[in-house]
Amino acid sequence: MRFKLIIALVEDSHTNIVLDAARKAGATGSTVINQARGEGVEQAKTFFGLTLETQRDVVLLLVEEHLSRPILETIAKAGDFDERPGTGIAFQIDIEDAVGVSHQIQSLSQVVEEEL
């Protein structure tokens, strides 16, 4: 079984929405890293020298490759990534190898067979 890693940089107010959507789309687990910072095309606004920016969370999802694109599209929609600038981004990368995922493989085998 082959995996992809979906990395989503999400407004902290949307993290739970994105996680719920990913789970419904087939993700079997996640890791969230809190309090990340980032900057997009437009620089963060300042007020008397203080930066006004929202906190971000980094959401990591190790998913089976056949399920990765639908999950990616689902979390993009749930997080409003394309509707409003600065709400977040998500991308996926190939995973060469992984250990500690045998329980996920067992639960995903039937799902992937049905997809194919």
Protein backbone atom coordinates (compact mmCIF):
# COMPACT_ATOMS: atom_id res chain seq x y z
CA MET A 1 0.00 0.00 0.00
CA ARG A 2 1.30 3.46 -0.92
CA PHE A 3 0.75 6.61 1.07
CA LYS A 4 0.74 10.36 0.58
CA LEU A 5 1.24 13.02 3.21
CA ILE A 6 -1.26 15.85 3.08
CA ILE A 7 0.00 18.98 4.79
CA ALA A 8 -2.58 21.66 5.48
CA LEU A 9 -1.82 25.08 6.94
CA VAL A 10 -5.12 26.15 8.43
CA GLU A 11 -6.53 29.07 10.42
CA ASP A 12 -6.81 27.77 13.96
CA SER A 13 -10.54 28.58 13.99
CA HIS A 14 -11.04 26.14 11.07
CA THR A 15 -8.85 23.25 12.28
CA ASN A 16 -11.66 21.11 13.69
CA ILE A 17 -13.82 21.71 10.62
CA VAL A 18 -10.96 20.57 8.37
CA LEU A 19 -10.24 17.52 10.56
CA ASP A 20 -13.91 16.46 10.54
CA ALA A 21 -14.09 16.85 6.75
CA ALA A 22 -10.88 14.84 6.26
CA ARG A 23 -12.20 12.02 8.46
CA LYS A 24 -15.48 11.91 6.52
CA ALA A 25 -13.52 11.80 3.24
CA GLY A 26 -11.50 8.76 4.35
CA ALA A 27 -8.56 9.95 6.48
CA THR A 28 -7.86 7.53 9.31
CA GLY A 29 -5.84 9.81 11.57
CA SER A 30 -4.09 13.14 11.88
CA THR A 31 -1.45 15.12 13.71
CA VAL A 32 -1.94 18.80 14.51
CA ILE A 33 0.90 21.19 15.27
CA ASN A 34 -0.43 24.33 16.93
CA GLN A 35 0.60 27.96 16.71
CA ALA A 36 2.37 28.15 13.38
CA ARG A 37 2.92 31.48 11.64
CA GLY A 38 2.87 32.30 7.98
CA GLU A 39 2.59 35.06 5.46
CA GLY A 40 1.02 35.07 2.03
CA VAL A 41 1.02 37.50 -0.86
CA GLU A 42 -0.08 40.36 1.36
CA GLN A 43 1.99 41.16 4.42
CA ALA A 44 0.35 41.04 7.82
CA LYS A 45 -1.20 44.30 8.98
CA THR A 46 0.37 46.13 11.89
CA PHE A 47 -1.06 48.43 14.53
CA PHE A 48 1.40 50.61 16.42
CA GLY A 49 4.19 48.19 15.52
CA LEU A 50 2.28 45.07 16.63
CA THR A 51 1.49 42.49 13.99
CA LEU A 52 -2.18 41.54 13.68
CA GLU A 53 -2.24 37.98 12.43
CA THR A 54 -4.29 34.93 13.14
CA GLN A 55 -2.69 31.76 14.43
CA ARG A 56 -2.34 28.82 12.11
CA ASP A 57 -2.25 25.10 12.73
CA VAL A 58 -0.31 22.57 10.68
CA VAL A 59 -2.43 19.49 9.99
CA LEU A 60 -0.59 16.35 8.87
CA LEU A 61 -2.59 13.51 7.32
CA LEU A 62 -0.96 10.26 6.19
CA VAL A 63 -3.47 8.83 3.70
CA GLU A 64 -3.66 6.06 1.14
CA GLU A 65 -2.72 7.41 -2.30
CA HIS A 66 -6.05 6.55 -3.99
CA LEU A 67 -7.92 8.55 -1.35
CA SER A 68 -5.53 11.50 -1.24
CA ARG A 69 -6.98 13.74 -3.96
CA PRO A 70 -10.60 13.52 -2.73
CA ILE A 71 -9.41 14.24 0.82
CA LEU A 72 -7.32 17.18 -0.39
CA GLU A 73 -10.26 18.68 -2.27
CA THR A 74 -12.61 18.10 0.67
CA ILE A 75 -10.40 19.89 3.19
CA ALA A 76 -9.82 22.77 0.76
CA LYS A 77 -13.57 23.25 0.50
CA ALA A 78 -14.13 22.87 4.26
CA GLY A 79 -11.40 25.40 5.04
CA ASP A 80 -12.54 27.90 2.39
CA PHE A 81 -8.99 27.92 0.97
CA ASP A 82 -10.02 29.10 -2.50
CA GLU A 83 -12.87 31.38 -1.44
CA ARG A 84 -11.01 33.74 0.89
CA PRO A 85 -7.33 34.70 0.71
CA GLY A 86 -5.23 33.85 3.73
CA THR A 87 -7.46 31.08 5.07
CA GLY A 88 -5.00 28.29 4.35
CA ILE A 89 -3.32 26.04 1.86
CA ALA A 90 -2.91 22.30 1.50
CA PHE A 91 -0.62 20.13 -0.56
CA GLN A 92 0.43 16.51 -0.76
CA ILE A 93 3.77 14.77 -1.10
CA ASP A 94 4.70 11.16 -1.85
CA ILE A 95 5.82 8.96 1.02
CA GLU A 96 8.58 6.54 0.18
CA ASP A 97 8.09 4.32 3.22
CA ALA A 98 6.26 4.31 6.55
CA VAL A 99 6.22 2.19 9.69
CA GLY A 100 3.67 2.05 12.47
CA VAL A 101 0.72 2.10 10.08
CA SER A 102 -0.23 -1.58 10.01
CA HIS A 103 -3.52 -0.87 11.81
CA GLN A 104 -4.37 1.72 9.15
CA ILE A 105 -3.51 -0.69 6.35
CA GLN A 106 -5.92 -3.25 7.77
CA SER A 107 -8.80 -0.80 7.94
CA LEU A 108 -8.00 0.79 4.56
CA SER A 109 -7.59 -2.42 2.54
CA GLN A 110 -11.31 -2.97 2.14
CA VAL A 111 -12.01 0.71 1.40
CA VAL A 112 -9.35 0.87 -1.31
CA GLU A 113 -10.55 -2.38 -2.91
CA GLU A 114 -14.03 -0.89 -3.16
CA GLU A 115 -12.63 2.29 -4.73
CA LEU A 116 -10.77 0.33 -7.39
